[in-house]
Amino acid sequence: MQQKKIPTKKENYRKTLELTSIGLTLPSSIAIGLFLGYYLDKWFGTKPWLLIIFLLFGIASGIISLIRGVNKYKEN
């Protein structure tokens, strides 16, 4: 039987920071999609179509990044 390694303080901080970054991935992706869509709509005058499209891209990107981050964390 293998003994479990007790994590050090530094390892605990690293894992906490990784989880925090995973938690911020989804809202930041959505915000970037919203702002980009909003300003492109203003520039091209296509209100609200580009906003909706880029919001959906932001949501999809955030979910994909969130899944990748969680899977990476589960491997460790």
N, C-alpha and C. Protein backbone atom coordinates (compact mmCIF):
# COMPACT_ATOMS: atom_id res chain seq x y z
N MET A 1 0.83 -1.17 0.00
CA MET A 1 0.00 0.00 0.00
C MET A 1 0.89 1.25 0.00
N GLN A 2 0.51 2.24 -0.82
CA GLN A 2 1.28 3.47 -0.90
C GLN A 2 0.78 4.47 0.13
N GLN A 3 1.73 5.22 0.64
CA GLN A 3 1.36 6.28 1.57
C GLN A 3 0.98 7.52 0.78
N LYS A 4 -0.02 8.23 1.28
CA LYS A 4 -0.41 9.47 0.64
C LYS A 4 0.56 10.56 1.05
N LYS A 5 0.93 11.36 0.05
CA LYS A 5 1.83 12.47 0.30
C LYS A 5 1.02 13.65 0.86
N ILE A 6 1.50 14.22 1.93
CA ILE A 6 0.84 15.38 2.53
C ILE A 6 1.26 16.61 1.73
N PRO A 7 0.27 17.35 1.18
CA PRO A 7 0.63 18.52 0.37
C PRO A 7 1.24 19.63 1.22
N THR A 8 2.22 20.30 0.64
CA THR A 8 2.85 21.42 1.34
C THR A 8 1.98 22.68 1.18
N LYS A 9 2.36 23.71 1.91
CA LYS A 9 1.62 24.96 1.84
C LYS A 9 1.70 25.55 0.43
N LYS A 10 2.86 25.44 -0.19
CA LYS A 10 3.04 25.97 -1.54
C LYS A 10 2.14 25.24 -2.54
N GLU A 11 2.03 23.92 -2.42
CA GLU A 11 1.17 23.14 -3.31
C GLU A 11 -0.30 23.50 -3.09
N ASN A 12 -0.68 23.74 -1.84
CA ASN A 12 -2.06 24.15 -1.57
C ASN A 12 -2.38 25.50 -2.20
N TYR A 13 -1.46 26.45 -2.13
CA TYR A 13 -1.66 27.76 -2.76
C TYR A 13 -1.76 27.62 -4.28
N ARG A 14 -0.93 26.77 -4.85
CA ARG A 14 -0.95 26.58 -6.30
C ARG A 14 -2.30 26.02 -6.74
N LYS A 15 -2.80 25.03 -6.03
CA LYS A 15 -4.09 24.44 -6.37
C LYS A 15 -5.23 25.45 -6.18
N THR A 16 -5.14 26.26 -5.16
CA THR A 16 -6.15 27.28 -4.93
C THR A 16 -6.17 28.28 -6.08
N LEU A 17 -5.00 28.69 -6.53
CA LEU A 17 -4.92 29.63 -7.65
C LEU A 17 -5.43 29.00 -8.95
N GLU A 18 -5.15 27.73 -9.16
CA GLU A 18 -5.66 27.04 -10.35
C GLU A 18 -7.18 27.00 -10.33
N LEU A 19 -7.77 26.68 -9.19
CA LEU A 19 -9.22 26.63 -9.09
C LEU A 19 -9.85 28.01 -9.26
N THR A 20 -9.19 29.04 -8.75
CA THR A 20 -9.69 30.40 -8.91
C THR A 20 -9.69 30.79 -10.38
N SER A 21 -8.62 30.45 -11.09
CA SER A 21 -8.56 30.80 -12.51
C SER A 21 -9.61 30.03 -13.30
N ILE A 22 -9.90 28.80 -12.91
CA ILE A 22 -10.96 28.05 -13.58
C ILE A 22 -12.31 28.74 -13.35
N GLY A 23 -12.54 29.21 -12.14
CA GLY A 23 -13.79 29.88 -11.82
C GLY A 23 -13.98 31.20 -12.54
N LEU A 24 -12.89 31.88 -12.88
CA LEU A 24 -12.97 33.16 -13.58
C LEU A 24 -13.01 33.02 -15.09
N THR A 25 -12.78 31.83 -15.60
CA THR A 25 -12.73 31.61 -17.03
C THR A 25 -14.07 31.87 -17.70
N LEU A 26 -15.13 31.31 -17.17
CA LEU A 26 -16.45 31.44 -17.80
C LEU A 26 -16.95 32.89 -17.83
N PRO A 27 -16.96 33.61 -16.71
CA PRO A 27 -17.46 34.98 -16.78
C PRO A 27 -16.59 35.91 -17.63
N SER A 28 -15.29 35.69 -17.64
CA SER A 28 -14.43 36.55 -18.46
C SER A 28 -14.64 36.29 -19.95
N SER A 29 -14.85 35.04 -20.33
CA SER A 29 -15.13 34.73 -21.74
C SER A 29 -16.45 35.34 -22.19
N ILE A 30 -17.44 35.27 -21.35
CA ILE A 30 -18.74 35.86 -21.67
C ILE A 30 -18.62 37.38 -21.79
N ALA A 31 -17.88 37.99 -20.88
CA ALA A 31 -17.72 39.45 -20.91
C ALA A 31 -16.98 39.90 -22.17
N ILE A 32 -15.96 39.17 -22.56
CA ILE A 32 -15.21 39.53 -23.78
C ILE A 32 -16.13 39.41 -25.00
N GLY A 33 -16.91 38.33 -25.07
CA GLY A 33 -17.85 38.17 -26.18
C GLY A 33 -18.89 39.29 -26.22
N LEU A 34 -19.40 39.68 -25.05
CA LEU A 34 -20.38 40.77 -24.98
C LEU A 34 -19.80 42.09 -25.46
N PHE A 35 -18.64 42.45 -24.95
CA PHE A 35 -18.04 43.73 -25.32
C PHE A 35 -17.65 43.76 -26.79
N LEU A 36 -17.09 42.69 -27.28
CA LEU A 36 -16.70 42.64 -28.69
C LEU A 36 -17.93 42.74 -29.59
N GLY A 37 -18.97 41.99 -29.27
CA GLY A 37 -20.20 42.05 -30.05
C GLY A 37 -20.86 43.42 -30.00
N TYR A 38 -20.85 44.03 -28.83
CA TYR A 38 -21.45 45.36 -28.67
C TYR A 38 -20.74 46.41 -29.54
N TYR A 39 -19.41 46.42 -29.47
CA TYR A 39 -18.68 47.43 -30.23
C TYR A 39 -18.70 47.16 -31.73
N LEU A 40 -18.74 45.90 -32.13
CA LEU A 40 -18.87 45.61 -33.56
C LEU A 40 -20.26 45.99 -34.06
N ASP A 41 -21.28 45.80 -33.23
CA ASP A 41 -22.63 46.24 -33.60
C ASP A 41 -22.69 47.75 -33.77
N LYS A 42 -22.05 48.47 -32.87
CA LYS A 42 -22.02 49.93 -33.00
C LYS A 42 -21.29 50.35 -34.27
N TRP A 43 -20.20 49.66 -34.57
CA TRP A 43 -19.37 50.03 -35.72
C TRP A 43 -20.08 49.72 -37.04
N PHE A 44 -20.69 48.54 -37.15
CA PHE A 44 -21.34 48.13 -38.40
C PHE A 44 -22.83 48.48 -38.45
N GLY A 45 -23.42 48.84 -37.32
CA GLY A 45 -24.83 49.19 -37.29
C GLY A 45 -25.75 47.98 -37.48
N THR A 46 -25.36 46.86 -36.94
CA THR A 46 -26.13 45.62 -37.11
C THR A 46 -26.83 45.20 -35.82
N LYS A 47 -27.16 46.16 -34.99
CA LYS A 47 -27.74 45.88 -33.68
C LYS A 47 -28.87 44.90 -33.76
N PRO A 48 -29.03 43.92 -32.99
CA PRO A 48 -28.25 43.29 -31.94
C PRO A 48 -27.58 42.00 -32.40
N TRP A 49 -27.45 41.78 -33.71
CA TRP A 49 -27.03 40.48 -34.21
C TRP A 49 -25.62 40.08 -33.82
N LEU A 50 -24.67 40.97 -33.98
CA LEU A 50 -23.29 40.62 -33.62
C LEU A 50 -23.13 40.44 -32.11
N LEU A 51 -23.89 41.21 -31.36
CA LEU A 51 -23.87 41.04 -29.91
C LEU A 51 -24.32 39.63 -29.52
N ILE A 52 -25.40 39.17 -30.13
CA ILE A 52 -25.91 37.83 -29.83
C ILE A 52 -24.92 36.76 -30.27
N ILE A 53 -24.38 36.92 -31.48
CA ILE A 53 -23.44 35.93 -32.01
C ILE A 53 -22.20 35.84 -31.14
N PHE A 54 -21.61 36.98 -30.80
CA PHE A 54 -20.39 36.95 -30.00
C PHE A 54 -20.65 36.57 -28.55
N LEU A 55 -21.84 36.83 -28.05
CA LEU A 55 -22.21 36.34 -26.72
C LEU A 55 -22.25 34.82 -26.73
N LEU A 56 -22.84 34.23 -27.76
CA LEU A 56 -22.87 32.77 -27.86
C LEU A 56 -21.47 32.19 -28.02
N PHE A 57 -20.62 32.87 -28.82
CA PHE A 57 -19.22 32.43 -28.93
C PHE A 57 -18.51 32.49 -27.59
N GLY A 58 -18.76 33.55 -26.83
CA GLY A 58 -18.15 33.70 -25.51
C GLY A 58 -18.61 32.62 -24.55
N ILE A 59 -19.89 32.30 -24.58
CA ILE A 59 -20.41 31.25 -23.71
C ILE A 59 -19.80 29.90 -24.08
N ALA A 60 -19.76 29.61 -25.39
CA ALA A 60 -19.18 28.34 -25.84
C ALA A 60 -17.70 28.26 -25.48
N SER A 61 -16.98 29.33 -25.70
CA SER A 61 -15.55 29.36 -25.37
C SER A 61 -15.33 29.18 -23.88
N GLY A 62 -16.15 29.83 -23.08
CA GLY A 62 -16.03 29.71 -21.63
C GLY A 62 -16.31 28.31 -21.13
N ILE A 63 -17.33 27.69 -21.70
CA ILE A 63 -17.66 26.32 -21.28
C ILE A 63 -16.57 25.35 -21.68
N ILE A 64 -16.04 25.50 -22.90
CA ILE A 64 -14.95 24.63 -23.35
C ILE A 64 -13.72 24.80 -22.45
N SER A 65 -13.37 26.04 -22.15
CA SER A 65 -12.22 26.30 -21.28
C SER A 65 -12.45 25.77 -19.87
N LEU A 66 -13.67 25.90 -19.39
CA LEU A 66 -14.02 25.40 -18.07
C LEU A 66 -13.88 23.88 -18.00
N ILE A 67 -14.37 23.19 -19.02
CA ILE A 67 -14.27 21.73 -19.07
C ILE A 67 -12.81 21.30 -19.14
N ARG A 68 -12.01 21.98 -19.98
CA ARG A 68 -10.59 21.65 -20.08
C ARG A 68 -9.87 21.87 -18.75
N GLY A 69 -10.18 22.96 -18.08
CA GLY A 69 -9.55 23.24 -16.80
C GLY A 69 -9.90 22.24 -15.73
N VAL A 70 -11.18 21.85 -15.69
CA VAL A 70 -11.61 20.86 -14.70
C VAL A 70 -10.96 19.51 -14.99
N ASN A 71 -10.92 19.12 -16.26
CA ASN A 71 -10.28 17.85 -16.61
C ASN A 71 -8.79 17.86 -16.28
N LYS A 72 -8.14 18.98 -16.52
CA LYS A 72 -6.71 19.10 -16.18
C LYS A 72 -6.51 19.00 -14.66
N TYR A 73 -7.41 19.62 -13.91
CA TYR A 73 -7.31 19.58 -12.46
C TYR A 73 -7.57 18.17 -11.92
N LYS A 74 -8.51 17.46 -12.55
CA LYS A 74 -8.84 16.11 -12.11
C LYS A 74 -7.67 15.15 -12.34
N GLU A 75 -6.85 15.41 -13.37
CA GLU A 75 -5.71 14.54 -13.66
C GLU A 75 -4.64 14.64 -12.60
N ASN A 76 -4.51 15.83 -11.98
CA ASN A 76 -3.45 16.04 -10.97
C ASN A 76 -3.82 15.42 -9.70
